[in-house]
Amino acid sequence: MFEGLFQPTHLLVIFGIALLVFGPKKLPELGKGIGEGIRGFKSAIKAEEDKPATAMSPANSGPVHQKHSSEVEKRTS
């Protein structure tokens, strides 16, 4: 389905359309913003992976008590 999507001529056409839509002054700013967003996303993912696994584990947080629906109905009545 997407075999021929990223051929050089297709990428040139996409770049040309983007240049027409955004203009030559706005295109570098757009690229810079996208690059900063990707860098921020990667650093957030890396920071999330660097956290210790025990802090994210629900097994260490203690028992979770859930009330049955009948108990909730008694309190609201």
N, C-alpha and C. Protein backbone atom coordinates (compact mmCIF):
# COMPACT_ATOMS: atom_id res chain seq x y z
N MET A 1 0.81 -1.19 0.00
CA MET A 1 0.00 0.00 0.00
C MET A 1 0.86 1.26 0.00
N PHE A 2 1.92 1.30 0.84
CA PHE A 2 2.76 2.48 0.93
C PHE A 2 4.16 2.24 0.34
N GLU A 3 4.30 1.30 -0.57
CA GLU A 3 5.61 0.96 -1.10
C GLU A 3 6.28 2.13 -1.79
N GLY A 4 5.58 2.84 -2.64
CA GLY A 4 6.18 3.90 -3.43
C GLY A 4 5.92 5.29 -2.89
N LEU A 5 5.54 5.40 -1.65
CA LEU A 5 5.15 6.70 -1.09
C LEU A 5 6.33 7.64 -0.91
N PHE A 6 7.49 7.13 -0.50
CA PHE A 6 8.61 7.98 -0.18
C PHE A 6 9.69 7.98 -1.25
N GLN A 7 9.31 7.98 -2.48
CA GLN A 7 10.26 8.10 -3.57
C GLN A 7 10.70 9.56 -3.66
N PRO A 8 11.91 9.82 -4.17
CA PRO A 8 12.44 11.19 -4.21
C PRO A 8 11.54 12.18 -4.95
N THR A 9 10.92 11.75 -6.02
CA THR A 9 10.05 12.69 -6.76
C THR A 9 8.81 13.03 -5.94
N HIS A 10 8.28 12.07 -5.21
CA HIS A 10 7.11 12.35 -4.37
C HIS A 10 7.47 13.31 -3.24
N LEU A 11 8.66 13.11 -2.65
CA LEU A 11 9.09 14.01 -1.59
C LEU A 11 9.31 15.43 -2.11
N LEU A 12 9.83 15.57 -3.32
CA LEU A 12 9.99 16.90 -3.92
C LEU A 12 8.65 17.57 -4.15
N VAL A 13 7.68 16.83 -4.60
CA VAL A 13 6.34 17.39 -4.82
C VAL A 13 5.73 17.82 -3.49
N ILE A 14 5.87 17.01 -2.45
CA ILE A 14 5.35 17.36 -1.13
C ILE A 14 6.04 18.60 -0.61
N PHE A 15 7.37 18.69 -0.77
CA PHE A 15 8.11 19.87 -0.33
C PHE A 15 7.66 21.11 -1.11
N GLY A 16 7.44 20.96 -2.41
CA GLY A 16 6.98 22.09 -3.22
C GLY A 16 5.61 22.59 -2.78
N ILE A 17 4.70 21.69 -2.49
CA ILE A 17 3.37 22.08 -2.01
C ILE A 17 3.48 22.77 -0.66
N ALA A 18 4.32 22.24 0.24
CA ALA A 18 4.51 22.88 1.54
C ALA A 18 5.11 24.27 1.38
N LEU A 19 6.01 24.44 0.44
CA LEU A 19 6.61 25.75 0.18
C LEU A 19 5.56 26.74 -0.33
N LEU A 20 4.67 26.28 -1.17
CA LEU A 20 3.61 27.15 -1.66
C LEU A 20 2.61 27.51 -0.56
N VAL A 21 2.29 26.56 0.28
CA VAL A 21 1.28 26.80 1.32
C VAL A 21 1.83 27.69 2.43
N PHE A 22 3.04 27.39 2.93
CA PHE A 22 3.56 28.10 4.08
C PHE A 22 4.46 29.28 3.72
N GLY A 23 5.03 29.28 2.53
CA GLY A 23 5.91 30.36 2.12
C GLY A 23 7.35 30.12 2.54
N PRO A 24 8.29 30.79 1.87
CA PRO A 24 9.71 30.54 2.15
C PRO A 24 10.15 31.05 3.52
N LYS A 25 9.47 32.03 4.09
CA LYS A 25 9.89 32.56 5.39
C LYS A 25 9.37 31.70 6.53
N LYS A 26 8.21 31.13 6.38
CA LYS A 26 7.59 30.36 7.46
C LYS A 26 8.10 28.93 7.52
N LEU A 27 8.58 28.39 6.42
CA LEU A 27 9.00 26.98 6.37
C LEU A 27 10.17 26.66 7.31
N PRO A 28 11.23 27.47 7.39
CA PRO A 28 12.29 27.17 8.37
C PRO A 28 11.81 27.23 9.81
N GLU A 29 10.93 28.17 10.12
CA GLU A 29 10.38 28.26 11.46
C GLU A 29 9.55 27.01 11.79
N LEU A 30 8.81 26.54 10.83
CA LEU A 30 8.00 25.34 11.00
C LEU A 30 8.89 24.12 11.25
N GLY A 31 9.97 24.00 10.48
CA GLY A 31 10.91 22.90 10.66
C GLY A 31 11.59 22.96 12.02
N LYS A 32 11.94 24.16 12.46
CA LYS A 32 12.58 24.32 13.76
C LYS A 32 11.62 23.91 14.88
N GLY A 33 10.36 24.32 14.77
CA GLY A 33 9.37 23.96 15.77
C GLY A 33 9.12 22.47 15.84
N ILE A 34 9.07 21.83 14.69
CA ILE A 34 8.88 20.37 14.65
C ILE A 34 10.09 19.67 15.26
N GLY A 35 11.29 20.14 14.93
CA GLY A 35 12.51 19.55 15.48
C GLY A 35 12.57 19.67 17.00
N GLU A 36 12.21 20.85 17.52
CA GLU A 36 12.21 21.04 18.97
C GLU A 36 11.16 20.15 19.64
N GLY A 37 10.03 19.99 18.99
CA GLY A 37 8.99 19.12 19.53
C GLY A 37 9.43 17.67 19.59
N ILE A 38 10.11 17.21 18.55
CA ILE A 38 10.60 15.84 18.52
C ILE A 38 11.66 15.63 19.59
N ARG A 39 12.57 16.62 19.74
CA ARG A 39 13.60 16.51 20.78
C ARG A 39 12.98 16.47 22.17
N GLY A 40 11.98 17.30 22.41
CA GLY A 40 11.30 17.30 23.70
C GLY A 40 10.60 15.98 23.97
N PHE A 41 9.98 15.43 22.95
CA PHE A 41 9.30 14.15 23.08
C PHE A 41 10.29 13.04 23.41
N LYS A 42 11.43 13.02 22.71
CA LYS A 42 12.43 11.99 22.95
C LYS A 42 13.00 12.10 24.36
N SER A 43 13.26 13.33 24.81
CA SER A 43 13.81 13.49 26.16
C SER A 43 12.79 13.08 27.22
N ALA A 44 11.51 13.34 26.99
CA ALA A 44 10.48 12.92 27.94
C ALA A 44 10.36 11.41 27.99
N ILE A 45 10.44 10.76 26.84
CA ILE A 45 10.39 9.30 26.79
C ILE A 45 11.61 8.71 27.50
N LYS A 46 12.78 9.30 27.27
CA LYS A 46 14.00 8.80 27.90
C LYS A 46 13.93 8.99 29.42
N ALA A 47 13.41 10.12 29.87
CA ALA A 47 13.28 10.37 31.31
C ALA A 47 12.31 9.37 31.93
N GLU A 48 11.26 9.03 31.22
CA GLU A 48 10.27 8.07 31.71
C GLU A 48 10.89 6.68 31.80
N GLU A 49 11.75 6.32 30.86
CA GLU A 49 12.40 5.00 30.87
C GLU A 49 13.46 4.93 31.96
N ASP A 50 14.08 6.07 32.31
CA ASP A 50 15.13 6.08 33.32
C ASP A 50 14.60 5.98 34.74
N LYS A 51 13.30 6.18 34.95
CA LYS A 51 12.73 6.07 36.29
C LYS A 51 12.86 4.63 36.76
N PRO A 52 13.07 4.43 38.06
CA PRO A 52 13.15 3.05 38.56
C PRO A 52 11.82 2.32 38.41
N ALA A 53 11.89 1.06 38.14
CA ALA A 53 10.68 0.27 37.90
C ALA A 53 9.85 0.11 39.16
N THR A 54 10.47 0.19 40.34
CA THR A 54 9.71 -0.01 41.58
C THR A 54 8.78 1.16 41.85
N ALA A 55 9.11 2.34 41.37
CA ALA A 55 8.24 3.49 41.61
C ALA A 55 6.96 3.40 40.80
N MET A 56 7.01 2.71 39.67
CA MET A 56 5.85 2.61 38.80
C MET A 56 5.04 1.34 39.08
N SER A 57 5.56 0.44 39.89
CA SER A 57 4.91 -0.83 40.13
C SER A 57 3.75 -0.68 41.11
N PRO A 58 2.54 -1.11 40.77
CA PRO A 58 1.41 -1.00 41.70
C PRO A 58 1.50 -2.03 42.82
N ALA A 59 2.37 -3.03 42.70
CA ALA A 59 2.48 -4.05 43.74
C ALA A 59 3.04 -3.48 45.04
N ASN A 60 3.83 -2.43 44.95
CA ASN A 60 4.44 -1.84 46.13
C ASN A 60 3.57 -0.76 46.77
N SER A 61 2.46 -0.44 46.19
CA SER A 61 1.65 0.67 46.69
C SER A 61 0.65 0.24 47.76
N GLY A 62 0.54 -1.01 48.04
CA GLY A 62 -0.38 -1.48 49.08
C GLY A 62 -1.68 -1.97 48.47
N PRO A 63 -2.55 -2.49 49.32
CA PRO A 63 -3.82 -3.03 48.81
C PRO A 63 -4.75 -1.92 48.34
N VAL A 64 -5.52 -2.24 47.35
CA VAL A 64 -6.51 -1.32 46.82
C VAL A 64 -7.88 -1.83 47.25
N HIS A 65 -8.64 -0.99 47.94
CA HIS A 65 -9.95 -1.39 48.43
C HIS A 65 -11.01 -0.79 47.51
N GLN A 66 -11.85 -1.65 46.96
CA GLN A 66 -12.93 -1.21 46.10
C GLN A 66 -14.25 -1.56 46.77
N LYS A 67 -15.18 -0.64 46.71
CA LYS A 67 -16.49 -0.89 47.29
C LYS A 67 -17.38 -1.51 46.23
N HIS A 68 -18.21 -2.40 46.67
CA HIS A 68 -19.18 -2.99 45.76
C HIS A 68 -20.27 -1.99 45.47
N SER A 69 -20.97 -2.17 44.38
CA SER A 69 -22.02 -1.24 44.00
C SER A 69 -23.13 -1.17 45.04
N SER A 70 -23.37 -2.26 45.77
CA SER A 70 -24.42 -2.25 46.80
C SER A 70 -24.00 -1.34 47.96
N GLU A 71 -22.73 -1.31 48.30
CA GLU A 71 -22.25 -0.42 49.36
C GLU A 71 -22.39 1.03 48.95
N VAL A 72 -22.11 1.32 47.68
CA VAL A 72 -22.22 2.69 47.20
C VAL A 72 -23.68 3.12 47.19
N GLU A 73 -24.59 2.23 46.82
CA GLU A 73 -26.01 2.56 46.79
C GLU A 73 -26.54 2.84 48.20
N LYS A 74 -26.06 2.13 49.20
CA LYS A 74 -26.49 2.35 50.58
C LYS A 74 -26.09 3.73 51.06
N ARG A 75 -24.89 4.18 50.67
CA ARG A 75 -24.41 5.49 51.12
C ARG A 75 -25.16 6.61 50.44
N THR A 76 -25.56 6.43 49.19
CA THR A 76 -26.25 7.50 48.48
C THR A 76 -27.73 7.56 48.80
N SER A 77 -28.30 6.52 49.37
CA SER A 77 -29.74 6.49 49.66
C SER A 77 -30.06 7.22 50.93
